[in-house]
């Protein structure tokens, strides 16, 4: 029996009986009961303190939790970046800059106020965008993302569009030639040989942009071809 639980017994009942018999003062029982109550209160405080300390996490645990959150949000963040890239291309630009701060606007009492916080995704976004052959430069003023003006070798992924992923250099000699296409079955990435893009599309060997954004690196290295609807 633990020290805390020891004081939850029926000892108080017998002490109460002694007090009712006017024997408590003579035996010092009243003082004992006060001491026991004091000890119980201290034990309760210790128990609460112990429970509070159990909820404390280390710096390493906090960092791991933040990194896990960043990785979980990365496909969404990449999708937003690609939207900005598509708009920049439409505007005849070949670079964008992502701010190091997130600014949210709210209205309070008919007044517009802003809340500013640091963007925790920049370093991870830089590494991810390099996998798509973008030139990146991280500065104190944000993340600069650039691409060639002809953008021939730089994919712009739309999370909601369909793509096929033919793997260059995997053509199998023979009649006819066949190429490996990467696609996803449930949560597993697989490959299959097809003679042409149309066959891959017809056999539903396409994926959505959001699948590519969360895919392993070997998939991201494949140049996607958009499926025309």
C-alpha atoms as a PDB file:
ATOM      1  CA  UNK A   1       0.000   0.000   0.000  1.00  0.00           C
ATOM      2  CA  UNK A   2       1.443   3.407  -0.981  1.00  0.00           C
ATOM      3  CA  UNK A   3       1.950   6.183   1.512  1.00  0.00           C
ATOM      4  CA  UNK A   4      -0.834   8.232  -0.030  1.00  0.00           C
ATOM      5  CA  UNK A   5      -3.346   5.389  -0.006  1.00  0.00           C
ATOM      6  CA  UNK A   6      -2.421   4.408   3.545  1.00  0.00           C
ATOM      7  CA  UNK A   7      -4.339   7.415   4.848  1.00  0.00           C
ATOM      8  CA  UNK A   8      -7.508   6.395   3.031  1.00  0.00           C
ATOM      9  CA  UNK A   9      -8.235   3.614   5.539  1.00  0.00           C
ATOM     10  CA  UNK A  10     -10.889   3.633   8.240  1.00  0.00           C
ATOM     11  CA  UNK A  11      -8.504   4.870  10.976  1.00  0.00           C
ATOM     12  CA  UNK A  12     -10.403   8.119  11.170  1.00  0.00           C
ATOM     13  CA  UNK A  13     -13.578   6.289  12.075  1.00  0.00           C
ATOM     14  CA  UNK A  14     -11.977   4.792  15.183  1.00  0.00           C
ATOM     15  CA  UNK A  15     -10.479   8.165  16.067  1.00  0.00           C
ATOM     16  CA  UNK A  16     -13.914   9.763  15.733  1.00  0.00           C
ATOM     17  CA  UNK A  17     -15.284   7.164  18.133  1.00  0.00           C
ATOM     18  CA  UNK A  18     -12.568   8.013  20.635  1.00  0.00           C
ATOM     19  CA  UNK A  19     -13.410  11.712  20.380  1.00  0.00           C
ATOM     20  CA  UNK A  20     -17.066  10.953  20.994  1.00  0.00           C
ATOM     21  CA  UNK A  21     -16.037   9.133  24.167  1.00  0.00           C
ATOM     22  CA  UNK A  22     -14.227  12.313  25.361  1.00  0.00           C
ATOM     23  CA  UNK A  23     -10.956  10.380  25.252  1.00  0.00           C
ATOM     24  CA  UNK A  24      -9.441  12.156  22.263  1.00  0.00           C
ATOM     25  CA  UNK A  25      -7.930  15.102  24.119  1.00  0.00           C
ATOM     26  CA  UNK A  26      -6.483  12.916  26.764  1.00  0.00           C
ATOM     27  CA  UNK A  27      -4.756  10.686  24.250  1.00  0.00           C
ATOM     28  CA  UNK A  28      -3.704  13.560  21.966  1.00  0.00           C
ATOM     29  CA  UNK A  29      -5.867  12.106  19.191  1.00  0.00           C
ATOM     30  CA  UNK A  30      -7.079  15.510  18.006  1.00  0.00           C
ATOM     31  CA  UNK A  31      -3.503  16.654  17.372  1.00  0.00           C
ATOM     32  CA  UNK A  32      -2.743  13.378  15.594  1.00  0.00           C
ATOM     33  CA  UNK A  33      -5.736  13.855  13.291  1.00  0.00           C
ATOM     34  CA  UNK A  34      -4.535  17.374  12.454  1.00  0.00           C
ATOM     35  CA  UNK A  35      -1.089  16.015  11.630  1.00  0.00           C
ATOM     36  CA  UNK A  36      -2.611  13.328   9.430  1.00  0.00           C
ATOM     37  CA  UNK A  37      -4.720  15.892   7.592  1.00  0.00           C
ATOM     38  CA  UNK A  38      -1.610  18.016   7.059  1.00  0.00           C
ATOM     39  CA  UNK A  39       0.305  15.020   5.704  1.00  0.00           C
ATOM     40  CA  UNK A  40      -2.586  14.105   3.389  1.00  0.00           C
ATOM     41  CA  UNK A  41      -2.674  17.663   2.055  1.00  0.00           C
ATOM     42  CA  UNK A  42       1.077  17.565   1.386  1.00  0.00           C
ATOM     43  CA  UNK A  43       0.760  14.218  -0.355  1.00  0.00           C
ATOM     44  CA  UNK A  44      -2.064  15.588  -2.533  1.00  0.00           C
ATOM     45  CA  UNK A  45       0.157  18.520  -3.524  1.00  0.00           C
ATOM     46  CA  UNK A  46       3.029  16.140  -4.308  1.00  0.00           C
ATOM     47  CA  UNK A  47       0.748  13.943  -6.393  1.00  0.00           C
ATOM     48  CA  UNK A  48      -0.485  16.967  -8.389  1.00  0.00           C
ATOM     49  CA  UNK A  49       3.108  18.145  -8.861  1.00  0.00           C
ATOM     50  CA  UNK A  50       4.136  14.703 -10.084  1.00  0.00           C
ATOM     51  CA  UNK A  51       1.274  14.611 -12.614  1.00  0.00           C
ATOM     52  CA  UNK A  52       2.270  18.065 -13.872  1.00  0.00           C
ATOM     53  CA  UNK A  53       5.895  17.012 -14.301  1.00  0.00           C
ATOM     54  CA  UNK A  54       4.780  13.946 -16.259  1.00  0.00           C
ATOM     55  CA  UNK A  55       3.359  16.315 -18.897  1.00  0.00           C
ATOM     56  CA  UNK A  56       6.670  18.124 -19.366  1.00  0.00           C
ATOM     57  CA  UNK A  57       8.516  17.201 -22.590  1.00  0.00           C
ATOM     58  CA  UNK A  58      12.184  17.659 -23.388  1.00  0.00           C
ATOM     59  CA  UNK A  59      13.567  19.985 -26.044  1.00  0.00           C
ATOM     60  CA  UNK A  60      14.361  16.952 -28.204  1.00  0.00           C
ATOM     61  CA  UNK A  61      10.775  15.709 -27.934  1.00  0.00           C
ATOM     62  CA  UNK A  62       9.402  19.163 -28.786  1.00  0.00           C
ATOM     63  CA  UNK A  63      11.687  19.377 -31.830  1.00  0.00           C
ATOM     64  CA  UNK A  64      10.629  15.907 -32.998  1.00  0.00           C
ATOM     65  CA  UNK A  65       6.949  16.830 -32.654  1.00  0.00           C
ATOM     66  CA  UNK A  66       7.446  20.034 -34.659  1.00  0.00           C
ATOM     67  CA  UNK A  67       9.357  18.201 -37.410  1.00  0.00           C
ATOM     68  CA  UNK A  68       6.629  15.554 -37.629  1.00  0.00           C
ATOM     69  CA  UNK A  69       4.018  18.312 -37.999  1.00  0.00           C
ATOM     70  CA  UNK A  70       6.081  20.038 -40.708  1.00  0.00           C
ATOM     71  CA  UNK A  71       6.438  16.816 -42.702  1.00  0.00           C
ATOM     72  CA  UNK A  72       2.716  16.096 -42.404  1.00  0.00           C
ATOM     73  CA  UNK A  73       1.904  19.592 -43.732  1.00  0.00           C
ATOM     74  CA  UNK A  74       4.563  19.570 -46.483  1.00  0.00           C
ATOM     75  CA  UNK A  75       2.331  18.321 -49.364  1.00  0.00           C
ATOM     76  CA  UNK A  76      -0.151  21.114 -48.641  1.00  0.00           C
ATOM     77  CA  UNK A  77       2.618  23.715 -48.396  1.00  0.00           C
ATOM     78  CA  UNK A  78       4.169  22.514 -51.665  1.00  0.00           C
ATOM     79  CA  UNK A  79       0.786  22.750 -53.352  1.00  0.00           C
ATOM     80  CA  UNK A  80       0.487  26.384 -52.279  1.00  0.00           C
ATOM     81  CA  UNK A  81       3.980  27.142 -53.593  1.00  0.00           C
ATOM     82  CA  UNK A  82       3.186  25.570 -56.963  1.00  0.00           C
ATOM     83  CA  UNK A  83       0.072  27.754 -57.210  1.00  0.00           C
ATOM     84  CA  UNK A  84       2.305  30.809 -56.761  1.00  0.00           C
ATOM     85  CA  UNK A  85       4.742  29.465 -59.355  1.00  0.00           C
ATOM     86  CA  UNK A  86       1.955  28.914 -61.913  1.00  0.00           C
ATOM     87  CA  UNK A  87       0.714  32.472 -61.373  1.00  0.00           C
ATOM     88  CA  UNK A  88       4.261  33.828 -61.734  1.00  0.00           C
ATOM     89  CA  UNK A  89       4.724  31.902 -64.998  1.00  0.00           C
ATOM     90  CA  UNK A  90       1.426  33.315 -66.302  1.00  0.00           C
ATOM     91  CA  UNK A  91       2.755  36.782 -65.405  1.00  0.00           C
ATOM     92  CA  UNK A  92       5.960  36.082 -67.425  1.00  0.00           C
ATOM     93  CA  UNK A  93       8.129  35.864 -64.309  1.00  0.00           C
ATOM     94  CA  UNK A  94      10.747  33.238 -63.520  1.00  0.00           C
ATOM     95  CA  UNK A  95      11.024  33.535 -59.748  1.00  0.00           C
ATOM     96  CA  UNK A  96       8.991  34.017 -56.595  1.00  0.00           C
ATOM     97  CA  UNK A  97       9.873  34.892 -53.008  1.00  0.00           C
ATOM     98  CA  UNK A  98       8.245  33.196 -50.032  1.00  0.00           C
ATOM     99  CA  UNK A  99       8.107  35.368 -46.939  1.00  0.00           C
ATOM    100  CA  UNK A 100       9.706  34.152 -43.701  1.00  0.00           C
ATOM    101  CA  UNK A 101       6.551  35.280 -41.894  1.00  0.00           C
ATOM    102  CA  UNK A 102       2.932  34.217 -41.896  1.00  0.00           C
ATOM    103  CA  UNK A 103       0.498  37.113 -41.605  1.00  0.00           C
ATOM    104  CA  UNK A 104      -3.125  36.515 -40.682  1.00  0.00           C
ATOM    105  CA  UNK A 105      -5.698  39.278 -40.638  1.00  0.00           C
ATOM    106  CA  UNK A 106      -8.712  39.324 -38.334  1.00  0.00           C
ATOM    107  CA  UNK A 107     -11.404  41.816 -37.416  1.00  0.00           C
ATOM    108  CA  UNK A 108     -12.023  42.835 -33.799  1.00  0.00           C
ATOM    109  CA  UNK A 109     -14.532  45.526 -32.877  1.00  0.00           C
ATOM    110  CA  UNK A 110     -14.709  46.786 -36.474  1.00  0.00           C
ATOM    111  CA  UNK A 111     -10.919  47.092 -36.568  1.00  0.00           C
ATOM    112  CA  UNK A 112      -8.588  45.053 -38.807  1.00  0.00           C
ATOM    113  CA  UNK A 113      -5.707  43.551 -36.846  1.00  0.00           C
ATOM    114  CA  UNK A 114      -2.864  41.308 -37.968  1.00  0.00           C
ATOM    115  CA  UNK A 115      -1.103  38.387 -36.298  1.00  0.00           C
ATOM    116  CA  UNK A 116       2.468  37.685 -37.435  1.00  0.00           C
ATOM    117  CA  UNK A 117       4.298  34.395 -36.871  1.00  0.00           C
ATOM    118  CA  UNK A 118       7.467  32.792 -38.232  1.00  0.00           C
ATOM    119  CA  UNK A 119       7.094  30.441 -41.207  1.00  0.00           C
ATOM    120  CA  UNK A 120       8.560  27.108 -39.990  1.00  0.00           C
ATOM    121  CA  UNK A 121       8.409  25.436 -43.432  1.00  0.00           C
ATOM    122  CA  UNK A 122      11.055  27.395 -45.368  1.00  0.00           C
ATOM    123  CA  UNK A 123      14.060  25.109 -44.853  1.00  0.00           C
ATOM    124  CA  UNK A 124      12.063  21.971 -45.660  1.00  0.00           C
ATOM    125  CA  UNK A 125      10.426  23.661 -48.666  1.00  0.00           C
ATOM    126  CA  UNK A 126      13.862  24.566 -50.010  1.00  0.00           C
ATOM    127  CA  UNK A 127      15.006  20.929 -49.870  1.00  0.00           C
ATOM    128  CA  UNK A 128      11.761  19.651 -51.425  1.00  0.00           C
ATOM    129  CA  UNK A 129      11.798  22.161 -54.305  1.00  0.00           C
ATOM    130  CA  UNK A 130      15.356  21.169 -55.205  1.00  0.00           C
ATOM    131  CA  UNK A 131      14.020  17.688 -55.939  1.00  0.00           C
ATOM    132  CA  UNK A 132      11.890  19.277 -58.680  1.00  0.00           C
ATOM    133  CA  UNK A 133      14.968  21.005 -60.184  1.00  0.00           C
ATOM    134  CA  UNK A 134      14.128  24.484 -58.906  1.00  0.00           C
ATOM    135  CA  UNK A 135      16.921  26.878 -57.991  1.00  0.00           C
ATOM    136  CA  UNK A 136      16.452  28.017 -54.391  1.00  0.00           C
ATOM    137  CA  UNK A 137      18.148  30.529 -52.128  1.00  0.00           C
ATOM    138  CA  UNK A 138      17.228  30.959 -48.464  1.00  0.00           C
ATOM    139  CA  UNK A 139      17.922  34.405 -46.998  1.00  0.00           C
ATOM    140  CA  UNK A 140      16.862  36.439 -43.985  1.00  0.00           C
ATOM    141  CA  UNK A 141      14.169  37.947 -46.209  1.00  0.00           C
ATOM    142  CA  UNK A 142      12.622  34.641 -47.257  1.00  0.00           C
ATOM    143  CA  UNK A 143      13.007  31.797 -49.740  1.00  0.00           C
ATOM    144  CA  UNK A 144      13.702  32.696 -53.370  1.00  0.00           C
ATOM    145  CA  UNK A 145      12.555  30.071 -55.893  1.00  0.00           C
ATOM    146  CA  UNK A 146      13.662  30.425 -59.525  1.00  0.00           C
ATOM    147  CA  UNK A 147      13.380  28.471 -62.769  1.00  0.00           C
ATOM    148  CA  UNK A 148      14.436  28.827 -66.428  1.00  0.00           C
ATOM    149  CA  UNK A 149      12.193  31.066 -68.502  1.00  0.00           C
ATOM    150  CA  UNK A 150      11.380  28.192 -70.863  1.00  0.00           C
ATOM    151  CA  UNK A 151      10.590  26.018 -67.776  1.00  0.00           C
ATOM    152  CA  UNK A 152      11.089  22.933 -69.974  1.00  0.00           C
ATOM    153  CA  UNK A 153      12.751  20.832 -67.284  1.00  0.00           C
ATOM    154  CA  UNK A 154      10.884  22.200 -64.274  1.00  0.00           C
ATOM    155  CA  UNK A 155       7.556  20.588 -63.378  1.00  0.00           C
ATOM    156  CA  UNK A 156       4.707  22.640 -61.969  1.00  0.00           C
ATOM    157  CA  UNK A 157       2.487  20.274 -59.998  1.00  0.00           C
ATOM    158  CA  UNK A 158      -1.218  20.949 -59.608  1.00  0.00           C
ATOM    159  CA  UNK A 159      -2.461  18.855 -56.653  1.00  0.00           C
ATOM    160  CA  UNK A 160      -5.849  18.262 -58.316  1.00  0.00           C
ATOM    161  CA  UNK A 161      -4.673  17.279 -61.805  1.00  0.00           C
ATOM    162  CA  UNK A 162      -3.761  13.835 -63.129  1.00  0.00           C
ATOM    163  CA  UNK A 163      -0.258  12.860 -64.236  1.00  0.00           C
ATOM    164  CA  UNK A 164       1.546   9.870 -65.677  1.00  0.00           C
ATOM    165  CA  UNK A 165       5.128   9.163 -64.655  1.00  0.00           C
ATOM    166  CA  UNK A 166       7.166   7.551 -67.439  1.00  0.00           C
ATOM    167  CA  UNK A 167      10.636   6.647 -66.195  1.00  0.00           C
ATOM    168  CA  UNK A 168      13.285   7.830 -68.642  1.00  0.00           C
ATOM    169  CA  UNK A 169      15.990   5.314 -69.430  1.00  0.00           C
ATOM    170  CA  UNK A 170      13.804   2.302 -68.678  1.00  0.00           C
ATOM    171  CA  UNK A 171      12.784   1.505 -72.268  1.00  0.00           C
ATOM    172  CA  UNK A 172      12.868  -2.241 -72.780  1.00  0.00           C
ATOM    173  CA  UNK A 173      14.213  -3.294 -76.142  1.00  0.00           C
ATOM    174  CA  UNK A 174      11.913  -5.439 -78.213  1.00  0.00           C
ATOM    175  CA  UNK A 175       8.883  -5.197 -80.401  1.00  0.00           C
ATOM    176  CA  UNK A 176       7.256  -3.002 -79.398  1.00  0.00           C
ATOM    177  CA  UNK A 177       9.379  -0.881 -77.042  1.00  0.00           C
ATOM    178  CA  UNK A 178       8.062  -0.672 -73.489  1.00  0.00           C
ATOM    179  CA  UNK A 179       8.640   1.915 -70.773  1.00  0.00           C
ATOM    180  CA  UNK A 180       8.205   1.654 -67.023  1.00  0.00           C
ATOM    181  CA  UNK A 181       5.506   3.904 -65.546  1.00  0.00           C
ATOM    182  CA  UNK A 182       5.320   4.646 -61.842  1.00  0.00           C
ATOM    183  CA  UNK A 183       1.947   4.855 -60.125  1.00  0.00           C
ATOM    184  CA  UNK A 184       0.360   4.168 -56.765  1.00  0.00           C
ATOM    185  CA  UNK A 185      -1.727   1.194 -55.668  1.00  0.00           C
ATOM    186  CA  UNK A 186      -3.342   1.990 -52.317  1.00  0.00           C
ATOM    187  CA  UNK A 187      -0.364   3.337 -50.321  1.00  0.00           C
ATOM    188  CA  UNK A 188       2.356   1.536 -52.297  1.00  0.00           C
ATOM    189  CA  UNK A 189       4.272   2.927 -55.297  1.00  0.00           C
ATOM    190  CA  UNK A 190       4.781   0.384 -58.075  1.00  0.00           C
ATOM    191  CA  UNK A 191       5.864   0.288 -61.736  1.00  0.00           C
ATOM    192  CA  UNK A 192       4.481  -1.351 -64.842  1.00  0.00           C
ATOM    193  CA  UNK A 193       5.638  -1.711 -68.445  1.00  0.00           C
ATOM    194  CA  UNK A 194       3.515  -0.043 -71.138  1.00  0.00           C
ATOM    195  CA  UNK A 195       4.081   0.598 -74.828  1.00  0.00           C
ATOM    196  CA  UNK A 196       2.821   4.211 -74.838  1.00  0.00           C
ATOM    197  CA  UNK A 197       1.372   6.973 -72.681  1.00  0.00           C
ATOM    198  CA  UNK A 198      -2.166   6.301 -73.890  1.00  0.00           C
ATOM    199  CA  UNK A 199      -1.957   2.690 -72.712  1.00  0.00           C
ATOM    200  CA  UNK A 200      -0.781   3.801 -69.274  1.00  0.00           C
ATOM    201  CA  UNK A 201      -3.676   6.259 -69.037  1.00  0.00           C
ATOM    202  CA  UNK A 202      -6.142   3.669 -70.291  1.00  0.00           C
ATOM    203  CA  UNK A 203      -4.943   1.220 -67.648  1.00  0.00           C
ATOM    204  CA  UNK A 204      -5.403   3.909 -64.983  1.00  0.00           C
ATOM    205  CA  UNK A 205      -1.687   4.105 -64.256  1.00  0.00           C
ATOM    206  CA  UNK A 206      -1.911   7.796 -63.485  1.00  0.00           C
ATOM    207  CA  UNK A 207      -1.728   9.655 -60.183  1.00  0.00           C
ATOM    208  CA  UNK A 208      -2.901  12.990 -58.860  1.00  0.00           C
ATOM    209  CA  UNK A 209      -0.547  15.873 -58.206  1.00  0.00           C
ATOM    210  CA  UNK A 210      -1.156  15.607 -54.476  1.00  0.00           C
ATOM    211  CA  UNK A 211       0.117  12.015 -54.641  1.00  0.00           C
ATOM    212  CA  UNK A 212       3.378  13.193 -56.209  1.00  0.00           C
ATOM    213  CA  UNK A 213       3.833  15.916 -53.599  1.00  0.00           C
ATOM    214  CA  UNK A 214       3.787  13.323 -50.809  1.00  0.00           C
ATOM    215  CA  UNK A 215       5.674  10.635 -52.766  1.00  0.00           C
ATOM    216  CA  UNK A 216       9.142   9.231 -51.993  1.00  0.00           C
ATOM    217  CA  UNK A 217      12.152  10.925 -53.581  1.00  0.00           C
ATOM    218  CA  UNK A 218      12.559   8.407 -56.413  1.00  0.00           C
ATOM    219  CA  UNK A 219       9.049   9.289 -57.610  1.00  0.00           C
ATOM    220  CA  UNK A 220       9.652  13.048 -57.346  1.00  0.00           C
ATOM    221  CA  UNK A 221      12.706  12.585 -59.578  1.00  0.00           C
ATOM    222  CA  UNK A 222      10.444  11.470 -62.466  1.00  0.00           C
ATOM    223  CA  UNK A 223       9.300  14.204 -64.845  1.00  0.00           C
ATOM    224  CA  UNK A 224       5.470  14.130 -64.730  1.00  0.00           C
ATOM    225  CA  UNK A 225       3.306  14.462 -67.830  1.00  0.00           C
ATOM    226  CA  UNK A 226      -0.106  16.032 -67.307  1.00  0.00           C
ATOM    227  CA  UNK A 227      -3.085  13.959 -68.468  1.00  0.00           C
ATOM    228  CA  UNK A 228      -5.265  16.024 -70.761  1.00  0.00           C
ATOM    229  CA  UNK A 229      -8.915  15.615 -69.788  1.00  0.00           C
END
